[in-house]
Amino acid sequence: MKALAIAGIMLGLWLYIGHVERSARASQKAADAAVVREATLRAEHADKLNTARLRAAYAQGKAVADATYAPQLASARHNLAAYAARMRSQAAQGGGGIAGLPTTAEAARLADGPDSDTVFPVALADLDACAVNTVRLVNVQQWYASITASHD
């Protein structure tokens, strides 16, 4: 009987130690998961702050660049308006001349005058987009030249 009692106590002790060990592992796993969760939240927060900082820096840089090239853009648009005026007058006269328009015997005319204004606004919008892009690209070229010059 004593052997059976000792075996019962040993079995109970062995089961208790297994329970304690499983509980300890579960507690450690929960603690590790909490640490990982906290580190993930901190990293996400830092990433959001960095993204906001980069967006603010980009917006500030864009505002400075826009202010820098605004006079150049105004000049390009003024030149475009002058070019458009020359094109309209040459189209009304039948083409030819300096602009390189095809020469016709006479301008295309409707009952109320030349037909150049119906097609020209679309071309003018395209030319305006080209002027904006050209000024922006010149600005980027100047910026890149200043960056490479400062690193030499």
N, C-alpha and C. Protein backbone atom coordinates (compact mmCIF):
# COMPACT_ATOMS: atom_id res chain seq x y z
N MET A 1 0.80 -1.18 0.00
CA MET A 1 0.00 0.00 0.00
C MET A 1 0.85 1.26 0.00
N LYS A 2 1.96 1.18 0.77
CA LYS A 2 2.84 2.35 0.81
C LYS A 2 3.36 2.66 -0.59
N ALA A 3 3.69 1.61 -1.33
CA ALA A 3 4.22 1.82 -2.69
C ALA A 3 3.17 2.45 -3.58
N LEU A 4 1.92 2.06 -3.40
CA LEU A 4 0.84 2.63 -4.19
C LEU A 4 0.60 4.09 -3.81
N ALA A 5 0.70 4.41 -2.55
CA ALA A 5 0.55 5.80 -2.08
C ALA A 5 1.68 6.66 -2.61
N ILE A 6 2.92 6.11 -2.57
CA ILE A 6 4.07 6.87 -3.07
C ILE A 6 3.93 7.06 -4.58
N ALA A 7 3.48 6.03 -5.29
CA ALA A 7 3.28 6.15 -6.73
C ALA A 7 2.20 7.17 -7.04
N GLY A 8 1.14 7.22 -6.23
CA GLY A 8 0.07 8.21 -6.42
C GLY A 8 0.57 9.62 -6.18
N ILE A 9 1.39 9.77 -5.14
CA ILE A 9 1.96 11.10 -4.85
C ILE A 9 2.90 11.51 -5.98
N MET A 10 3.71 10.58 -6.47
CA MET A 10 4.64 10.89 -7.56
C MET A 10 3.88 11.26 -8.84
N LEU A 11 2.80 10.53 -9.11
CA LEU A 11 1.99 10.86 -10.28
C LEU A 11 1.35 12.24 -10.13
N GLY A 12 0.83 12.52 -8.96
CA GLY A 12 0.25 13.84 -8.71
C GLY A 12 1.28 14.95 -8.84
N LEU A 13 2.48 14.70 -8.30
CA LEU A 13 3.57 15.68 -8.40
C LEU A 13 3.97 15.89 -9.86
N TRP A 14 4.06 14.77 -10.60
CA TRP A 14 4.43 14.87 -12.01
C TRP A 14 3.37 15.66 -12.78
N LEU A 15 2.09 15.44 -12.54
CA LEU A 15 1.01 16.18 -13.19
C LEU A 15 1.03 17.66 -12.79
N TYR A 16 1.32 17.92 -11.52
CA TYR A 16 1.38 19.31 -11.04
C TYR A 16 2.54 20.05 -11.70
N ILE A 17 3.69 19.40 -11.78
CA ILE A 17 4.86 20.04 -12.43
C ILE A 17 4.56 20.31 -13.91
N GLY A 18 3.91 19.37 -14.59
CA GLY A 18 3.52 19.59 -15.99
C GLY A 18 2.57 20.76 -16.12
N HIS A 19 1.62 20.87 -15.20
CA HIS A 19 0.67 21.99 -15.22
C HIS A 19 1.39 23.32 -15.01
N VAL A 20 2.29 23.37 -14.05
CA VAL A 20 3.06 24.59 -13.77
C VAL A 20 3.90 24.97 -14.99
N GLU A 21 4.51 23.96 -15.60
CA GLU A 21 5.33 24.22 -16.78
C GLU A 21 4.49 24.77 -17.94
N ARG A 22 3.35 24.17 -18.20
CA ARG A 22 2.46 24.67 -19.26
C ARG A 22 1.96 26.08 -18.96
N SER A 23 1.66 26.34 -17.72
CA SER A 23 1.21 27.68 -17.32
C SER A 23 2.32 28.70 -17.52
N ALA A 24 3.54 28.32 -17.16
CA ALA A 24 4.68 29.22 -17.33
C ALA A 24 4.92 29.51 -18.81
N ARG A 25 4.84 28.46 -19.64
CA ARG A 25 5.01 28.67 -21.08
C ARG A 25 3.92 29.57 -21.65
N ALA A 26 2.69 29.35 -21.22
CA ALA A 26 1.58 30.18 -21.70
C ALA A 26 1.76 31.62 -21.25
N SER A 27 2.20 31.81 -20.01
CA SER A 27 2.44 33.18 -19.52
C SER A 27 3.56 33.85 -20.30
N GLN A 28 4.63 33.09 -20.57
CA GLN A 28 5.75 33.65 -21.32
C GLN A 28 5.33 33.97 -22.76
N LYS A 29 4.52 33.10 -23.35
CA LYS A 29 4.04 33.34 -24.70
C LYS A 29 3.17 34.60 -24.74
N ALA A 30 2.31 34.77 -23.76
CA ALA A 30 1.47 35.97 -23.69
C ALA A 30 2.33 37.21 -23.50
N ALA A 31 3.36 37.12 -22.64
CA ALA A 31 4.25 38.26 -22.43
C ALA A 31 5.01 38.59 -23.71
N ASP A 32 5.51 37.56 -24.41
CA ASP A 32 6.22 37.79 -25.67
C ASP A 32 5.29 38.42 -26.71
N ALA A 33 4.06 37.94 -26.78
CA ALA A 33 3.10 38.51 -27.73
C ALA A 33 2.81 39.97 -27.39
N ALA A 34 2.74 40.30 -26.12
CA ALA A 34 2.50 41.69 -25.71
C ALA A 34 3.68 42.58 -26.11
N VAL A 35 4.90 42.06 -25.94
CA VAL A 35 6.09 42.83 -26.33
C VAL A 35 6.10 43.06 -27.84
N VAL A 36 5.78 42.02 -28.60
CA VAL A 36 5.75 42.15 -30.06
C VAL A 36 4.66 43.14 -30.48
N ARG A 37 3.50 43.05 -29.84
CA ARG A 37 2.39 43.95 -30.17
C ARG A 37 2.77 45.40 -29.87
N GLU A 38 3.42 45.63 -28.73
CA GLU A 38 3.84 46.98 -28.36
C GLU A 38 4.90 47.50 -29.34
N ALA A 39 5.85 46.65 -29.71
CA ALA A 39 6.89 47.07 -30.67
C ALA A 39 6.28 47.38 -32.03
N THR A 40 5.29 46.59 -32.43
CA THR A 40 4.61 46.84 -33.70
C THR A 40 3.88 48.16 -33.67
N LEU A 41 3.18 48.44 -32.58
CA LEU A 41 2.46 49.71 -32.46
C LEU A 41 3.41 50.90 -32.47
N ARG A 42 4.54 50.75 -31.77
CA ARG A 42 5.53 51.84 -31.77
C ARG A 42 6.10 52.06 -33.18
N ALA A 43 6.39 50.98 -33.88
CA ALA A 43 6.93 51.10 -35.24
C ALA A 43 5.91 51.74 -36.17
N GLU A 44 4.65 51.35 -36.05
CA GLU A 44 3.60 51.95 -36.89
C GLU A 44 3.45 53.43 -36.58
N HIS A 45 3.51 53.79 -35.32
CA HIS A 45 3.41 55.20 -34.93
C HIS A 45 4.59 56.00 -35.49
N ALA A 46 5.79 55.44 -35.35
CA ALA A 46 6.98 56.11 -35.89
C ALA A 46 6.89 56.25 -37.40
N ASP A 47 6.36 55.23 -38.07
CA ASP A 47 6.20 55.27 -39.52
C ASP A 47 5.21 56.37 -39.92
N LYS A 48 4.10 56.47 -39.17
CA LYS A 48 3.12 57.52 -39.47
C LYS A 48 3.71 58.91 -39.26
N LEU A 49 4.48 59.08 -38.19
CA LEU A 49 5.14 60.37 -37.95
C LEU A 49 6.13 60.69 -39.06
N ASN A 50 6.90 59.70 -39.49
CA ASN A 50 7.86 59.91 -40.56
C ASN A 50 7.15 60.25 -41.87
N THR A 51 6.05 59.56 -42.14
CA THR A 51 5.28 59.85 -43.36
C THR A 51 4.75 61.27 -43.32
N ALA A 52 4.22 61.68 -42.18
CA ALA A 52 3.71 63.05 -42.05
C ALA A 52 4.83 64.06 -42.21
N ARG A 53 5.99 63.77 -41.65
CA ARG A 53 7.14 64.68 -41.78
C ARG A 53 7.58 64.79 -43.24
N LEU A 54 7.63 63.65 -43.93
CA LEU A 54 8.04 63.67 -45.34
C LEU A 54 7.02 64.41 -46.20
N ARG A 55 5.73 64.22 -45.92
CA ARG A 55 4.71 64.92 -46.69
C ARG A 55 4.79 66.43 -46.45
N ALA A 56 5.03 66.83 -45.22
CA ALA A 56 5.16 68.25 -44.92
C ALA A 56 6.39 68.84 -45.62
N ALA A 57 7.50 68.10 -45.60
CA ALA A 57 8.71 68.56 -46.28
C ALA A 57 8.48 68.65 -47.78
N TYR A 58 7.77 67.66 -48.34
CA TYR A 58 7.47 67.68 -49.77
C TYR A 58 6.59 68.88 -50.11
N ALA A 59 5.56 69.11 -49.30
CA ALA A 59 4.66 70.24 -49.55
C ALA A 59 5.41 71.56 -49.47
N GLN A 60 6.30 71.68 -48.49
CA GLN A 60 7.08 72.91 -48.36
C GLN A 60 8.02 73.07 -49.56
N GLY A 61 8.67 71.99 -49.94
CA GLY A 61 9.57 72.06 -51.10
C GLY A 61 8.81 72.40 -52.38
N LYS A 62 7.62 71.84 -52.53
CA LYS A 62 6.81 72.13 -53.71
C LYS A 62 6.37 73.59 -53.72
N ALA A 63 6.00 74.11 -52.54
CA ALA A 63 5.59 75.51 -52.46
C ALA A 63 6.75 76.43 -52.82
N VAL A 64 7.94 76.11 -52.33
CA VAL A 64 9.12 76.91 -52.67
C VAL A 64 9.42 76.82 -54.16
N ALA A 65 9.35 75.61 -54.71
CA ALA A 65 9.61 75.44 -56.15
C ALA A 65 8.56 76.17 -56.98
N ASP A 66 7.29 76.07 -56.58
CA ASP A 66 6.24 76.77 -57.32
C ASP A 66 6.45 78.28 -57.27
N ALA A 67 6.84 78.79 -56.11
CA ALA A 67 7.10 80.23 -55.99
C ALA A 67 8.32 80.62 -56.82
N THR A 68 9.29 79.72 -56.90
CA THR A 68 10.50 80.01 -57.66
C THR A 68 10.21 80.09 -59.15
N TYR A 69 9.41 79.16 -59.64
CA TYR A 69 9.19 79.16 -61.08
C TYR A 69 7.94 79.91 -61.50
N ALA A 70 7.19 80.51 -60.58
CA ALA A 70 5.99 81.27 -60.93
C ALA A 70 6.29 82.42 -61.91
N PRO A 71 7.35 83.21 -61.68
CA PRO A 71 7.66 84.26 -62.66
C PRO A 71 8.03 83.68 -64.03
N GLN A 72 8.76 82.58 -64.04
CA GLN A 72 9.12 81.96 -65.32
C GLN A 72 7.88 81.43 -66.03
N LEU A 73 6.95 80.87 -65.25
CA LEU A 73 5.71 80.37 -65.83
C LEU A 73 4.87 81.52 -66.38
N ALA A 74 4.82 82.61 -65.64
CA ALA A 74 4.07 83.78 -66.13
C ALA A 74 4.68 84.29 -67.43
N SER A 75 6.00 84.32 -67.51
CA SER A 75 6.67 84.74 -68.73
C SER A 75 6.37 83.79 -69.88
N ALA A 76 6.42 82.48 -69.61
CA ALA A 76 6.12 81.49 -70.65
C ALA A 76 4.68 81.63 -71.13
N ARG A 77 3.76 81.86 -70.22
CA ARG A 77 2.36 82.03 -70.61
C ARG A 77 2.16 83.33 -71.39
N HIS A 78 2.89 84.37 -71.03
CA HIS A 78 2.82 85.63 -71.79
C HIS A 78 3.33 85.39 -73.21
N ASN A 79 4.45 84.69 -73.34
CA ASN A 79 4.99 84.38 -74.66
C ASN A 79 4.01 83.51 -75.45
N LEU A 80 3.35 82.59 -74.77
CA LEU A 80 2.36 81.75 -75.42
C LEU A 80 1.17 82.58 -75.91
N ALA A 81 0.73 83.53 -75.11
CA ALA A 81 -0.38 84.38 -75.53
C ALA A 81 0.01 85.22 -76.75
N ALA A 82 1.25 85.72 -76.76
CA ALA A 82 1.72 86.48 -77.92
C ALA A 82 1.80 85.58 -79.15
N TYR A 83 2.27 84.36 -78.96
CA TYR A 83 2.34 83.41 -80.07
C TYR A 83 0.94 83.09 -80.59
N ALA A 84 0.00 82.90 -79.67
CA ALA A 84 -1.38 82.60 -80.07
C ALA A 84 -1.97 83.76 -80.85
N ALA A 85 -1.68 84.98 -80.43
CA ALA A 85 -2.19 86.15 -81.17
C ALA A 85 -1.62 86.18 -82.58
N ARG A 86 -0.31 85.90 -82.70
CA ARG A 86 0.30 85.87 -84.04
C ARG A 86 -0.33 84.77 -84.88
N MET A 87 -0.55 83.60 -84.29
CA MET A 87 -1.13 82.48 -85.03
C MET A 87 -2.55 82.81 -85.49
N ARG A 88 -3.32 83.45 -84.64
CA ARG A 88 -4.70 83.79 -85.00
C ARG A 88 -4.72 84.78 -86.17
N SER A 89 -3.84 85.78 -86.09
CA SER A 89 -3.85 86.76 -87.17
C SER A 89 -3.37 86.13 -88.47
N GLN A 90 -2.39 85.24 -88.43
CA GLN A 90 -1.94 84.58 -89.65
C GLN A 90 -2.99 83.62 -90.18
N ALA A 91 -3.68 82.93 -89.28
CA ALA A 91 -4.74 82.01 -89.72
C ALA A 91 -5.87 82.79 -90.37
N ALA A 92 -6.15 83.98 -89.84
CA ALA A 92 -7.22 84.80 -90.41
C ALA A 92 -6.83 85.34 -91.79
N GLN A 93 -5.51 85.45 -92.05
CA GLN A 93 -5.04 85.96 -93.33
C GLN A 93 -4.82 84.85 -94.35
N GLY A 94 -4.99 83.62 -93.95
CA GLY A 94 -4.85 82.55 -94.91
C GLY A 94 -3.59 81.75 -94.77
N GLY A 95 -2.85 81.92 -93.68
CA GLY A 95 -1.67 81.08 -93.44
C GLY A 95 -0.44 81.64 -94.09
N GLY A 96 0.60 80.83 -94.10
CA GLY A 96 1.88 81.24 -94.67
C GLY A 96 2.64 82.11 -93.71
N GLY A 97 3.68 82.69 -94.20
CA GLY A 97 4.45 83.63 -93.40
C GLY A 97 5.41 82.95 -92.45
N ILE A 98 5.76 83.64 -91.38
CA ILE A 98 6.79 83.21 -90.45
C ILE A 98 6.38 81.95 -89.68
N ALA A 99 5.13 81.81 -89.34
CA ALA A 99 4.71 80.70 -88.49
C ALA A 99 4.79 79.35 -89.18
N GLY A 100 4.95 79.32 -90.46
CA GLY A 100 5.07 78.07 -91.18
C GLY A 100 3.74 77.38 -91.40
N LEU A 101 2.68 78.15 -91.39
CA LEU A 101 1.38 77.56 -91.67
C LEU A 101 1.26 77.30 -93.16
N PRO A 102 0.49 76.31 -93.55
CA PRO A 102 0.34 76.07 -94.98
C PRO A 102 -0.34 77.25 -95.66
N THR A 103 0.14 77.57 -96.81
CA THR A 103 -0.41 78.71 -97.55
C THR A 103 -1.63 78.26 -98.32
N THR A 104 -2.68 79.02 -98.17
CA THR A 104 -3.89 78.77 -98.95
C THR A 104 -4.22 80.04 -99.70
N ALA A 105 -4.99 79.88 -100.71
CA ALA A 105 -5.35 81.06 -101.50
C ALA A 105 -6.14 82.03 -100.65
N GLU A 106 -6.87 81.52 -99.72
CA GLU A 106 -7.71 82.39 -98.92
C GLU A 106 -8.04 81.63 -97.63
N ALA A 107 -8.22 82.34 -96.54
CA ALA A 107 -8.52 81.69 -95.25
C ALA A 107 -9.85 80.96 -95.33
N ALA A 108 -9.93 79.88 -94.55
CA ALA A 108 -11.21 79.18 -94.47
C ALA A 108 -12.20 80.11 -93.79
N ARG A 109 -13.28 80.40 -94.47
CA ARG A 109 -14.20 81.39 -93.93
C ARG A 109 -15.59 80.80 -93.80
N LEU A 110 -16.20 81.20 -92.71
CA LEU A 110 -17.61 80.92 -92.53
C LEU A 110 -18.35 82.22 -92.81
N ALA A 111 -19.63 82.20 -92.64
CA ALA A 111 -20.40 83.41 -92.87
C ALA A 111 -19.97 84.53 -91.93
N ASP A 112 -19.49 84.18 -90.71
CA ASP A 112 -19.12 85.23 -89.75
C ASP A 112 -17.62 85.43 -89.63
N GLY A 113 -16.81 84.80 -90.47
CA GLY A 113 -15.38 85.07 -90.42
C GLY A 113 -14.55 83.80 -90.37
N PRO A 114 -13.28 83.93 -90.03
CA PRO A 114 -12.37 82.79 -90.03
C PRO A 114 -12.82 81.72 -89.04
N ASP A 115 -12.49 80.48 -89.36
CA ASP A 115 -12.89 79.34 -88.55
C ASP A 115 -11.80 78.92 -87.57
N SER A 116 -10.76 79.71 -87.38
CA SER A 116 -9.61 79.29 -86.58
C SER A 116 -9.93 79.22 -85.09
N ASP A 117 -10.90 79.94 -84.59
CA ASP A 117 -11.18 79.98 -83.15
C ASP A 117 -11.83 78.70 -82.64
N THR A 118 -12.44 77.91 -83.51
CA THR A 118 -13.09 76.70 -83.02
C THR A 118 -12.08 75.60 -82.69
N VAL A 119 -10.97 75.53 -83.38
CA VAL A 119 -9.96 74.51 -83.14
C VAL A 119 -8.87 75.03 -82.22
N PHE A 120 -8.61 76.31 -82.24
CA PHE A 120 -7.46 76.88 -81.55
C PHE A 120 -7.51 76.76 -80.03
N PRO A 121 -8.65 76.85 -79.33
CA PRO A 121 -8.62 76.72 -77.86
C PRO A 121 -8.08 75.38 -77.39
N VAL A 122 -8.36 74.31 -78.11
CA VAL A 122 -7.83 73.01 -77.73
C VAL A 122 -6.31 73.02 -77.87
N ALA A 123 -5.82 73.54 -78.97
CA ALA A 123 -4.39 73.62 -79.19
C ALA A 123 -3.75 74.54 -78.15
N LEU A 124 -4.43 75.62 -77.79
CA LEU A 124 -3.90 76.55 -76.81
C LEU A 124 -3.79 75.88 -75.44
N ALA A 125 -4.76 75.07 -75.06
CA ALA A 125 -4.69 74.34 -73.79
C ALA A 125 -3.51 73.37 -73.80
N ASP A 126 -3.30 72.69 -74.94
CA ASP A 126 -2.16 71.79 -75.05
C ASP A 126 -0.84 72.56 -74.97
N LEU A 127 -0.79 73.70 -75.63
CA LEU A 127 0.43 74.51 -75.59
C LEU A 127 0.68 75.04 -74.18
N ASP A 128 -0.38 75.39 -73.46
CA ASP A 128 -0.23 75.84 -72.08
C ASP A 128 0.34 74.71 -71.22
N ALA A 129 -0.17 73.51 -71.39
CA ALA A 129 0.37 72.36 -70.64
C ALA A 129 1.84 72.13 -70.98
N CYS A 130 2.19 72.31 -72.24
CA CYS A 130 3.60 72.18 -72.64
C CYS A 130 4.46 73.26 -71.99
N ALA A 131 3.94 74.48 -71.93
CA ALA A 131 4.68 75.57 -71.30
C ALA A 131 4.90 75.28 -69.82
N VAL A 132 3.86 74.82 -69.14
CA VAL A 132 3.98 74.49 -67.71
C VAL A 132 5.01 73.39 -67.52
N ASN A 133 4.93 72.34 -68.31
CA ASN A 133 5.87 71.23 -68.18
C ASN A 133 7.29 71.65 -68.50
N THR A 134 7.45 72.49 -69.49
CA THR A 134 8.79 72.95 -69.86
C THR A 134 9.41 73.75 -68.73
N VAL A 135 8.62 74.66 -68.15
CA VAL A 135 9.15 75.46 -67.04
C VAL A 135 9.48 74.57 -65.85
N ARG A 136 8.63 73.59 -65.56
CA ARG A 136 8.91 72.68 -64.45
C ARG A 136 10.18 71.87 -64.71
N LEU A 137 10.35 71.40 -65.94
CA LEU A 137 11.55 70.62 -66.26
C LEU A 137 12.82 71.45 -66.20
N VAL A 138 12.73 72.69 -66.64
CA VAL A 138 13.90 73.57 -66.52
C VAL A 138 14.22 73.78 -65.05
N ASN A 139 13.19 73.95 -64.23
CA ASN A 139 13.39 74.10 -62.79
C ASN A 139 14.05 72.85 -62.21
N VAL A 140 13.61 71.67 -62.62
CA VAL A 140 14.21 70.42 -62.13
C VAL A 140 15.66 70.31 -62.57
N GLN A 141 15.95 70.71 -63.81
CA GLN A 141 17.33 70.68 -64.29
C GLN A 141 18.22 71.60 -63.45
N GLN A 142 17.72 72.79 -63.14
CA GLN A 142 18.49 73.72 -62.32
C GLN A 142 18.69 73.15 -60.91
N TRP A 143 17.64 72.55 -60.36
CA TRP A 143 17.75 71.95 -59.02
C TRP A 143 18.77 70.82 -59.02
N TYR A 144 18.71 69.95 -60.04
CA TYR A 144 19.64 68.83 -60.10
C TYR A 144 21.07 69.32 -60.28
N ALA A 145 21.26 70.35 -61.09
CA ALA A 145 22.60 70.90 -61.26
C ALA A 145 23.12 71.47 -59.94
N SER A 146 22.24 72.10 -59.17
CA SER A 146 22.69 72.65 -57.86
C SER A 146 23.01 71.53 -56.89
N ILE A 147 22.26 70.42 -56.95
CA ILE A 147 22.53 69.30 -56.05
C ILE A 147 23.85 68.63 -56.40
N THR A 148 24.08 68.39 -57.70
CA THR A 148 25.31 67.73 -58.10
C THR A 148 26.51 68.64 -57.89
N ALA A 149 26.33 69.94 -58.04
CA ALA A 149 27.44 70.87 -57.81
C ALA A 149 27.81 70.92 -56.33
N SER A 150 26.82 70.78 -55.44
CA SER A 150 27.11 70.84 -54.02
C SER A 150 27.78 69.56 -53.51
N HIS A 151 27.65 68.45 -54.26
CA HIS A 151 28.26 67.19 -53.84
C HIS A 151 29.60 66.94 -54.48
N ASP A 152 30.02 67.81 -55.37
CA ASP A 152 31.34 67.62 -56.01
C ASP A 152 32.46 68.12 -55.17
